[in-house]
N, C-alpha and C. Protein backbone atom coordinates (compact mmCIF):
# COMPACT_ATOMS: atom_id res chain seq x y z
N UNK A 1 -0.71 17.37 8.62
CA UNK A 1 -0.91 15.95 8.74
C UNK A 1 0.37 15.22 8.32
N UNK A 2 0.74 14.23 9.10
CA UNK A 2 1.92 13.44 8.80
C UNK A 2 1.66 12.54 7.61
N UNK A 3 2.67 12.34 6.78
CA UNK A 3 2.50 11.52 5.58
C UNK A 3 3.38 10.28 5.63
N UNK A 4 3.05 9.36 4.76
CA UNK A 4 3.81 8.13 4.61
C UNK A 4 4.45 8.13 3.22
N UNK A 5 5.54 7.41 3.07
CA UNK A 5 6.17 7.26 1.76
C UNK A 5 5.76 5.88 1.24
N UNK A 6 5.06 5.86 0.11
CA UNK A 6 4.54 4.62 -0.47
C UNK A 6 5.29 4.28 -1.75
N UNK A 7 5.73 3.03 -1.85
CA UNK A 7 6.34 2.52 -3.07
C UNK A 7 5.60 1.24 -3.44
N UNK A 8 5.03 1.22 -4.66
CA UNK A 8 4.36 0.02 -5.18
C UNK A 8 5.11 -0.42 -6.42
N UNK A 9 5.57 -1.67 -6.41
CA UNK A 9 6.27 -2.23 -7.57
C UNK A 9 5.61 -3.53 -7.99
N UNK A 10 5.72 -3.82 -9.28
CA UNK A 10 5.33 -5.12 -9.81
C UNK A 10 6.58 -5.68 -10.48
N UNK A 11 6.57 -6.96 -10.87
CA UNK A 11 7.75 -7.48 -11.56
C UNK A 11 8.08 -6.71 -12.84
N UNK A 12 7.07 -6.07 -13.44
CA UNK A 12 7.27 -5.38 -14.71
C UNK A 12 7.73 -3.93 -14.57
N UNK A 13 7.28 -3.23 -13.49
CA UNK A 13 7.53 -1.79 -13.44
C UNK A 13 7.32 -1.21 -12.05
N UNK A 14 7.75 0.03 -11.90
CA UNK A 14 7.42 0.83 -10.72
C UNK A 14 6.01 1.36 -10.96
N UNK A 15 5.07 1.03 -10.09
CA UNK A 15 3.68 1.42 -10.27
C UNK A 15 3.42 2.80 -9.67
N UNK A 16 3.94 3.04 -8.45
CA UNK A 16 3.73 4.34 -7.79
C UNK A 16 4.82 4.55 -6.76
N UNK A 17 5.27 5.79 -6.66
CA UNK A 17 6.17 6.19 -5.57
C UNK A 17 5.83 7.62 -5.20
N UNK A 18 5.54 7.85 -3.91
CA UNK A 18 5.22 9.19 -3.48
C UNK A 18 4.64 9.23 -2.08
N UNK A 19 4.25 10.42 -1.68
CA UNK A 19 3.69 10.64 -0.35
C UNK A 19 2.19 10.38 -0.35
N UNK A 20 1.71 9.72 0.69
CA UNK A 20 0.28 9.47 0.86
C UNK A 20 -0.10 9.73 2.31
N UNK A 21 -1.39 9.99 2.54
CA UNK A 21 -1.86 10.19 3.91
C UNK A 21 -2.40 8.89 4.50
N UNK A 22 -2.84 7.97 3.63
CA UNK A 22 -3.31 6.66 4.08
C UNK A 22 -3.37 5.71 2.90
N UNK A 23 -3.40 4.42 3.22
CA UNK A 23 -3.49 3.39 2.18
C UNK A 23 -4.29 2.22 2.75
N UNK A 24 -5.06 1.56 1.88
CA UNK A 24 -5.87 0.42 2.27
C UNK A 24 -5.47 -0.77 1.39
N UNK A 25 -5.33 -1.94 2.03
CA UNK A 25 -4.85 -3.13 1.35
C UNK A 25 -5.77 -4.32 1.57
N UNK A 26 -5.85 -5.24 0.57
CA UNK A 26 -6.63 -6.46 0.72
C UNK A 26 -5.77 -7.57 1.34
N UNK A 27 -5.58 -7.51 2.65
CA UNK A 27 -4.76 -8.50 3.33
C UNK A 27 -5.37 -9.89 3.25
N UNK A 28 -4.54 -10.90 3.37
CA UNK A 28 -5.03 -12.29 3.31
C UNK A 28 -6.01 -12.59 4.43
N UNK A 29 -5.88 -11.89 5.57
CA UNK A 29 -6.79 -12.09 6.70
C UNK A 29 -7.89 -11.03 6.74
N UNK A 30 -7.97 -10.20 5.70
CA UNK A 30 -8.99 -9.16 5.64
C UNK A 30 -8.40 -7.81 5.27
N UNK A 31 -9.26 -6.91 4.88
CA UNK A 31 -8.84 -5.57 4.47
C UNK A 31 -8.29 -4.81 5.68
N UNK A 32 -7.22 -4.02 5.47
CA UNK A 32 -6.69 -3.19 6.54
C UNK A 32 -6.18 -1.86 6.00
N UNK A 33 -6.16 -0.86 6.87
CA UNK A 33 -5.76 0.49 6.50
C UNK A 33 -4.49 0.87 7.25
N UNK A 34 -3.61 1.60 6.57
CA UNK A 34 -2.36 2.08 7.16
C UNK A 34 -2.38 3.60 7.14
N UNK A 35 -2.10 4.19 8.31
CA UNK A 35 -1.99 5.64 8.42
C UNK A 35 -0.65 5.95 9.09
N UNK A 36 -0.32 7.22 9.22
CA UNK A 36 0.97 7.63 9.80
C UNK A 36 1.17 7.00 11.18
N UNK A 37 2.42 6.64 11.44
CA UNK A 37 2.84 6.04 12.71
C UNK A 37 2.21 4.67 12.98
N UNK A 38 1.84 3.96 11.93
CA UNK A 38 1.30 2.61 12.06
C UNK A 38 2.39 1.70 12.63
N UNK A 39 1.99 0.70 13.39
CA UNK A 39 2.93 -0.29 13.92
C UNK A 39 3.56 -1.06 12.76
N UNK A 40 4.81 -1.49 12.91
CA UNK A 40 5.44 -2.29 11.85
C UNK A 40 4.63 -3.55 11.55
N UNK A 41 4.52 -3.89 10.27
CA UNK A 41 3.75 -5.06 9.87
C UNK A 41 4.27 -5.57 8.53
N UNK A 42 4.20 -6.87 8.36
CA UNK A 42 4.42 -7.51 7.06
C UNK A 42 3.22 -8.39 6.82
N UNK A 43 2.61 -8.28 5.64
CA UNK A 43 1.40 -9.04 5.35
C UNK A 43 1.39 -9.49 3.90
N UNK A 44 0.82 -10.66 3.66
CA UNK A 44 0.55 -11.08 2.29
C UNK A 44 -0.75 -10.39 1.85
N UNK A 45 -0.87 -10.21 0.54
CA UNK A 45 -2.05 -9.56 -0.02
C UNK A 45 -2.78 -10.53 -0.93
N UNK A 46 -4.10 -10.50 -0.85
CA UNK A 46 -4.95 -11.30 -1.73
C UNK A 46 -5.37 -10.47 -2.93
N UNK A 47 -6.02 -11.10 -3.87
CA UNK A 47 -6.57 -10.37 -5.02
C UNK A 47 -7.57 -9.35 -4.51
N UNK A 48 -7.53 -8.16 -5.07
CA UNK A 48 -8.46 -7.12 -4.63
C UNK A 48 -7.96 -5.75 -5.02
N UNK A 49 -8.37 -4.75 -4.25
CA UNK A 49 -8.08 -3.36 -4.59
C UNK A 49 -7.19 -2.70 -3.54
N UNK A 50 -6.11 -2.10 -4.01
CA UNK A 50 -5.26 -1.26 -3.17
C UNK A 50 -5.72 0.18 -3.40
N UNK A 51 -6.00 0.92 -2.32
CA UNK A 51 -6.39 2.32 -2.43
C UNK A 51 -5.41 3.16 -1.63
N UNK A 52 -5.09 4.36 -2.15
CA UNK A 52 -4.23 5.28 -1.41
C UNK A 52 -4.65 6.70 -1.70
N UNK A 53 -4.45 7.56 -0.69
CA UNK A 53 -4.83 8.97 -0.81
C UNK A 53 -3.57 9.80 -0.93
N UNK A 54 -3.40 10.43 -2.09
CA UNK A 54 -2.26 11.29 -2.37
C UNK A 54 -2.79 12.70 -2.59
N UNK A 55 -2.51 13.59 -1.64
CA UNK A 55 -3.07 14.94 -1.72
C UNK A 55 -4.57 14.88 -1.52
N UNK A 56 -5.33 15.41 -2.47
CA UNK A 56 -6.79 15.38 -2.39
C UNK A 56 -7.39 14.24 -3.21
N UNK A 57 -6.55 13.45 -3.87
CA UNK A 57 -7.04 12.40 -4.76
C UNK A 57 -6.88 11.01 -4.18
N UNK A 58 -7.93 10.19 -4.35
CA UNK A 58 -7.86 8.79 -3.98
C UNK A 58 -7.60 7.98 -5.25
N UNK A 59 -6.55 7.19 -5.23
CA UNK A 59 -6.18 6.34 -6.36
C UNK A 59 -6.47 4.89 -5.99
N UNK A 60 -6.75 4.06 -6.98
CA UNK A 60 -6.96 2.65 -6.70
C UNK A 60 -6.26 1.80 -7.76
N UNK A 61 -5.96 0.58 -7.37
CA UNK A 61 -5.21 -0.34 -8.22
C UNK A 61 -5.71 -1.75 -7.96
N UNK A 62 -6.11 -2.47 -8.99
CA UNK A 62 -6.53 -3.86 -8.85
C UNK A 62 -5.29 -4.75 -8.90
N UNK A 63 -5.18 -5.66 -7.93
CA UNK A 63 -4.03 -6.56 -7.88
C UNK A 63 -4.49 -8.01 -7.83
N UNK A 64 -3.59 -8.91 -8.20
CA UNK A 64 -3.86 -10.35 -8.11
C UNK A 64 -3.31 -10.94 -6.82
N UNK A 65 -2.40 -10.20 -6.17
CA UNK A 65 -1.79 -10.68 -4.94
C UNK A 65 -0.46 -9.98 -4.72
N UNK A 66 0.20 -10.30 -3.60
CA UNK A 66 1.50 -9.71 -3.33
C UNK A 66 1.78 -9.66 -1.85
N UNK A 67 2.62 -8.71 -1.44
CA UNK A 67 2.90 -8.53 -0.01
C UNK A 67 3.21 -7.07 0.26
N UNK A 68 3.09 -6.69 1.53
CA UNK A 68 3.34 -5.31 1.94
C UNK A 68 4.15 -5.31 3.23
N UNK A 69 5.05 -4.35 3.35
CA UNK A 69 5.80 -4.12 4.59
C UNK A 69 5.62 -2.66 4.99
N UNK A 70 5.26 -2.46 6.26
CA UNK A 70 5.12 -1.11 6.81
C UNK A 70 6.14 -0.98 7.94
N UNK A 71 6.96 0.09 7.85
CA UNK A 71 7.98 0.30 8.88
C UNK A 71 8.39 1.76 8.87
N UNK A 72 8.27 2.43 10.00
CA UNK A 72 8.72 3.81 10.17
C UNK A 72 8.17 4.75 9.10
N UNK A 73 6.86 4.70 8.88
CA UNK A 73 6.16 5.53 7.90
C UNK A 73 6.59 5.32 6.46
N UNK A 74 7.16 4.14 6.19
CA UNK A 74 7.51 3.72 4.83
C UNK A 74 6.65 2.50 4.52
N UNK A 75 5.97 2.52 3.37
CA UNK A 75 5.17 1.36 2.93
C UNK A 75 5.79 0.85 1.64
N UNK A 76 6.23 -0.40 1.69
CA UNK A 76 6.81 -1.05 0.50
C UNK A 76 5.85 -2.17 0.08
N UNK A 77 5.42 -2.12 -1.19
CA UNK A 77 4.43 -3.07 -1.68
C UNK A 77 4.94 -3.71 -2.96
N UNK A 78 4.89 -5.03 -3.03
CA UNK A 78 5.22 -5.77 -4.25
C UNK A 78 3.95 -6.51 -4.66
N UNK A 79 3.47 -6.23 -5.86
CA UNK A 79 2.19 -6.79 -6.29
C UNK A 79 2.30 -7.46 -7.66
N UNK A 80 1.36 -8.35 -7.91
CA UNK A 80 1.18 -8.92 -9.23
C UNK A 80 -0.09 -8.28 -9.79
N UNK A 81 0.03 -7.69 -10.96
CA UNK A 81 -1.11 -6.98 -11.55
C UNK A 81 -1.92 -7.90 -12.47
């Protein structure tokens, strides 16, 4: 299975960096999921839960807001915790 490289940062710290098979975000227009070879997108994020699958484990993170950019199997996320 193809993987994505996910980087999540907050103003205070690096929250996560690594390979994931999918990620789900609380977009301002609704929840959306990103998998390998997703079309490029930039979206603002609302308060809610970011989920990502790394290996066999699903991780989650509560955020207050932020933004995400997806491009060429790279996901860059800046969030306020």
